[in-house]
N, C-alpha and C. Protein backbone atom coordinates (compact mmCIF):
# COMPACT_ATOMS: atom_id res chain seq x y z
N MET A 1 -67.37 19.73 159.80
CA MET A 1 -66.60 20.70 160.55
C MET A 1 -65.17 20.80 160.02
N ARG A 2 -64.97 20.35 158.83
CA ARG A 2 -63.64 20.47 158.24
C ARG A 2 -63.66 21.58 157.18
N PRO A 3 -62.51 22.20 156.91
CA PRO A 3 -62.49 23.25 155.89
C PRO A 3 -62.77 22.67 154.50
N ASN A 4 -63.42 23.45 153.68
CA ASN A 4 -63.75 23.03 152.32
C ASN A 4 -62.56 23.27 151.40
N PRO A 5 -62.39 22.42 150.39
CA PRO A 5 -61.35 22.71 149.40
C PRO A 5 -61.78 23.90 148.55
N ASN A 6 -60.81 24.62 148.03
CA ASN A 6 -61.07 25.80 147.21
C ASN A 6 -60.60 25.54 145.78
N LEU A 7 -61.49 25.75 144.84
CA LEU A 7 -61.16 25.65 143.41
C LEU A 7 -61.12 27.07 142.87
N PHE A 8 -60.04 27.41 142.18
CA PHE A 8 -59.97 28.75 141.61
C PHE A 8 -59.57 28.69 140.15
N VAL A 9 -60.11 29.63 139.40
CA VAL A 9 -59.83 29.77 137.98
C VAL A 9 -59.46 31.22 137.74
N ASP A 10 -58.40 31.45 137.00
CA ASP A 10 -57.92 32.80 136.74
C ASP A 10 -57.54 32.92 135.27
N TRP A 11 -58.03 33.96 134.62
CA TRP A 11 -57.70 34.18 133.21
C TRP A 11 -57.22 35.61 133.09
N ASP A 12 -55.93 35.78 132.80
CA ASP A 12 -55.30 37.10 132.77
C ASP A 12 -55.14 37.61 131.35
N TYR A 13 -55.01 38.92 131.28
CA TYR A 13 -54.73 39.66 130.05
C TYR A 13 -55.85 39.56 129.02
N LEU A 14 -57.07 39.53 129.49
CA LEU A 14 -58.20 39.57 128.56
C LEU A 14 -58.46 41.02 128.15
N PRO A 15 -58.74 41.25 126.90
CA PRO A 15 -58.98 42.63 126.45
C PRO A 15 -60.41 43.07 126.80
N ALA A 16 -60.60 43.57 128.00
CA ALA A 16 -61.94 43.93 128.47
C ALA A 16 -62.45 45.22 127.84
N PHE A 17 -61.56 46.17 127.56
CA PHE A 17 -62.00 47.48 127.08
C PHE A 17 -61.76 47.69 125.59
N THR A 18 -61.13 46.73 124.95
CA THR A 18 -60.93 46.85 123.50
C THR A 18 -61.40 45.57 122.83
N PRO A 19 -62.70 45.46 122.58
CA PRO A 19 -63.22 44.21 122.00
C PRO A 19 -62.68 43.91 120.60
N SER A 20 -62.15 44.92 119.91
CA SER A 20 -61.62 44.66 118.57
C SER A 20 -60.36 43.79 118.63
N SER A 21 -59.64 43.84 119.75
CA SER A 21 -58.43 43.03 119.86
C SER A 21 -58.70 41.64 120.44
N ALA A 22 -59.96 41.30 120.61
CA ALA A 22 -60.31 40.01 121.19
C ALA A 22 -60.46 38.94 120.12
N ASN A 23 -59.56 38.89 119.19
CA ASN A 23 -59.61 37.84 118.17
C ASN A 23 -58.96 36.57 118.72
N SER A 24 -59.14 35.48 118.03
CA SER A 24 -58.66 34.20 118.54
C SER A 24 -57.14 34.13 118.61
N THR A 25 -56.43 34.83 117.73
CA THR A 25 -54.96 34.82 117.77
C THR A 25 -54.46 35.47 119.06
N TYR A 26 -55.05 36.60 119.42
CA TYR A 26 -54.65 37.28 120.65
C TYR A 26 -54.94 36.40 121.87
N ILE A 27 -56.13 35.82 121.91
CA ILE A 27 -56.51 35.01 123.07
C ILE A 27 -55.60 33.79 123.19
N GLN A 28 -55.20 33.19 122.08
CA GLN A 28 -54.34 32.00 122.13
C GLN A 28 -52.90 32.34 122.47
N SER A 29 -52.40 33.50 122.04
CA SER A 29 -50.98 33.78 122.22
C SER A 29 -50.67 34.71 123.40
N SER A 30 -51.61 35.53 123.83
CA SER A 30 -51.27 36.54 124.83
C SER A 30 -51.99 36.40 126.17
N THR A 31 -52.96 35.55 126.25
CA THR A 31 -53.65 35.40 127.52
C THR A 31 -53.07 34.23 128.30
N GLU A 32 -53.42 34.20 129.56
CA GLU A 32 -52.87 33.18 130.44
C GLU A 32 -53.98 32.68 131.37
N ALA A 33 -54.15 31.38 131.46
CA ALA A 33 -55.19 30.82 132.31
C ALA A 33 -54.57 29.91 133.36
N ASP A 34 -55.12 29.99 134.56
CA ASP A 34 -54.66 29.16 135.67
C ASP A 34 -55.87 28.50 136.32
N ILE A 35 -55.71 27.26 136.69
CA ILE A 35 -56.72 26.53 137.45
C ILE A 35 -56.00 25.87 138.61
N GLY A 36 -56.59 25.96 139.78
CA GLY A 36 -55.93 25.37 140.95
C GLY A 36 -56.93 24.86 141.96
N LEU A 37 -56.44 24.02 142.83
CA LEU A 37 -57.22 23.47 143.91
C LEU A 37 -56.37 23.55 145.17
N SER A 38 -56.96 24.08 146.25
CA SER A 38 -56.21 24.17 147.50
C SER A 38 -57.06 23.60 148.63
N TYR A 39 -56.37 23.08 149.63
CA TYR A 39 -57.04 22.52 150.79
C TYR A 39 -56.19 22.85 152.02
N LEU A 40 -56.83 23.38 153.04
CA LEU A 40 -56.14 23.75 154.26
C LEU A 40 -55.90 22.52 155.12
N ILE A 41 -54.65 22.26 155.43
CA ILE A 41 -54.30 21.16 156.33
C ILE A 41 -53.97 21.78 157.68
N GLU A 42 -54.81 21.50 158.66
CA GLU A 42 -54.63 22.10 159.97
C GLU A 42 -53.69 21.25 160.82
N ARG A 43 -52.74 21.91 161.45
CA ARG A 43 -51.80 21.23 162.32
C ARG A 43 -51.83 21.86 163.69
N GLY A 44 -51.26 21.21 164.65
CA GLY A 44 -51.14 21.76 165.99
C GLY A 44 -52.45 21.87 166.73
N LYS A 45 -53.34 20.92 166.51
CA LYS A 45 -54.64 20.87 167.20
C LYS A 45 -55.48 22.12 166.96
N LYS A 46 -55.31 22.75 165.80
CA LYS A 46 -56.09 23.93 165.48
C LYS A 46 -57.56 23.57 165.24
N ARG A 47 -57.81 22.39 164.69
CA ARG A 47 -59.19 21.99 164.46
C ARG A 47 -59.93 21.84 165.77
N GLN A 48 -59.29 21.24 166.77
CA GLN A 48 -59.92 21.07 168.07
C GLN A 48 -60.19 22.44 168.71
N ALA A 49 -59.25 23.37 168.57
CA ALA A 49 -59.44 24.72 169.12
C ALA A 49 -60.58 25.44 168.41
N ARG A 50 -60.67 25.29 167.08
CA ARG A 50 -61.74 25.92 166.32
C ARG A 50 -63.08 25.32 166.70
N LEU A 51 -63.13 24.01 166.90
CA LEU A 51 -64.36 23.34 167.30
C LEU A 51 -64.80 23.78 168.69
N LYS A 52 -63.85 23.92 169.61
CA LYS A 52 -64.17 24.39 170.96
C LYS A 52 -64.68 25.82 170.92
N ALA A 53 -64.07 26.67 170.10
CA ALA A 53 -64.53 28.06 169.98
C ALA A 53 -65.95 28.11 169.42
N ALA A 54 -66.27 27.24 168.47
CA ALA A 54 -67.62 27.21 167.90
C ALA A 54 -68.63 26.73 168.94
N LYS A 55 -68.26 25.74 169.73
CA LYS A 55 -69.16 25.26 170.79
C LYS A 55 -69.36 26.34 171.85
N ASP A 56 -68.31 27.06 172.20
CA ASP A 56 -68.43 28.14 173.18
C ASP A 56 -69.34 29.26 172.66
N ALA A 57 -69.18 29.61 171.39
CA ALA A 57 -70.03 30.64 170.79
C ALA A 57 -71.49 30.20 170.76
N THR A 58 -71.72 28.92 170.49
CA THR A 58 -73.08 28.39 170.50
C THR A 58 -73.67 28.45 171.90
N ALA A 59 -72.88 28.12 172.91
CA ALA A 59 -73.36 28.17 174.30
C ALA A 59 -73.70 29.61 174.70
N VAL A 60 -72.90 30.57 174.29
CA VAL A 60 -73.18 31.97 174.59
C VAL A 60 -74.48 32.40 173.92
N THR A 61 -74.68 32.00 172.68
CA THR A 61 -75.91 32.36 171.96
C THR A 61 -77.13 31.74 172.62
N ILE A 62 -77.03 30.47 173.03
CA ILE A 62 -78.15 29.82 173.71
C ILE A 62 -78.48 30.54 175.01
N SER A 63 -77.46 30.94 175.77
CA SER A 63 -77.69 31.67 177.03
C SER A 63 -78.32 33.03 176.77
N THR A 64 -77.89 33.71 175.72
CA THR A 64 -78.45 35.01 175.39
C THR A 64 -79.92 34.89 175.01
N VAL A 65 -80.26 33.89 174.22
CA VAL A 65 -81.65 33.67 173.83
C VAL A 65 -82.50 33.35 175.06
N ALA A 66 -82.00 32.50 175.94
CA ALA A 66 -82.75 32.16 177.16
C ALA A 66 -82.94 33.39 178.03
N ASP A 67 -81.93 34.23 178.13
CA ASP A 67 -82.04 35.45 178.93
C ASP A 67 -83.07 36.40 178.32
N ASN A 68 -83.07 36.54 177.00
CA ASN A 68 -84.05 37.40 176.33
C ASN A 68 -85.47 36.86 176.52
N GLU A 69 -85.65 35.55 176.45
CA GLU A 69 -86.97 34.96 176.68
C GLU A 69 -87.43 35.23 178.11
N ARG A 70 -86.53 35.09 179.05
CA ARG A 70 -86.86 35.32 180.46
C ARG A 70 -87.24 36.79 180.67
N THR A 71 -86.51 37.69 180.06
CA THR A 71 -86.81 39.12 180.18
C THR A 71 -88.18 39.44 179.60
N LEU A 72 -88.49 38.88 178.44
CA LEU A 72 -89.80 39.12 177.83
C LEU A 72 -90.93 38.53 178.66
N THR A 73 -90.69 37.39 179.28
CA THR A 73 -91.72 36.76 180.11
C THR A 73 -92.06 37.64 181.31
N PHE A 74 -91.06 38.22 181.95
CA PHE A 74 -91.30 39.06 183.12
C PHE A 74 -91.88 40.42 182.76
N GLN A 75 -91.74 40.84 181.50
CA GLN A 75 -92.29 42.11 181.07
C GLN A 75 -93.74 41.99 180.60
N TRP A 76 -94.29 40.80 180.51
CA TRP A 76 -95.63 40.59 179.99
C TRP A 76 -96.62 40.57 181.14
N PRO A 77 -97.72 41.14 181.16
CA PRO A 77 -98.27 42.02 180.13
C PRO A 77 -97.61 43.39 180.21
N PRO A 78 -97.56 44.06 179.09
CA PRO A 78 -96.90 45.38 179.08
C PRO A 78 -97.67 46.39 179.94
N ASN A 79 -96.93 47.32 180.49
CA ASN A 79 -97.57 48.35 181.31
C ASN A 79 -98.37 49.29 180.43
N THR A 80 -99.59 49.54 180.82
CA THR A 80 -100.44 50.43 180.01
C THR A 80 -100.84 51.64 180.79
């Protein structure tokens, strides 16, 4: 129930539409690559609030499913 870390890779200024300029000199001197890792640190009891919201949503879904089952039970057998 914790947020996942995010790994990102970014490579800018690649010659996508002019393959003739994609030589090794251009790639080494004019492109730029970034790699990063980020992780969300939750403060102010946000994790507890998120967990409570998830539990509430689960309870609503369980109640909806039970209500639908009850409705189908009372409708059986179908009117012919």
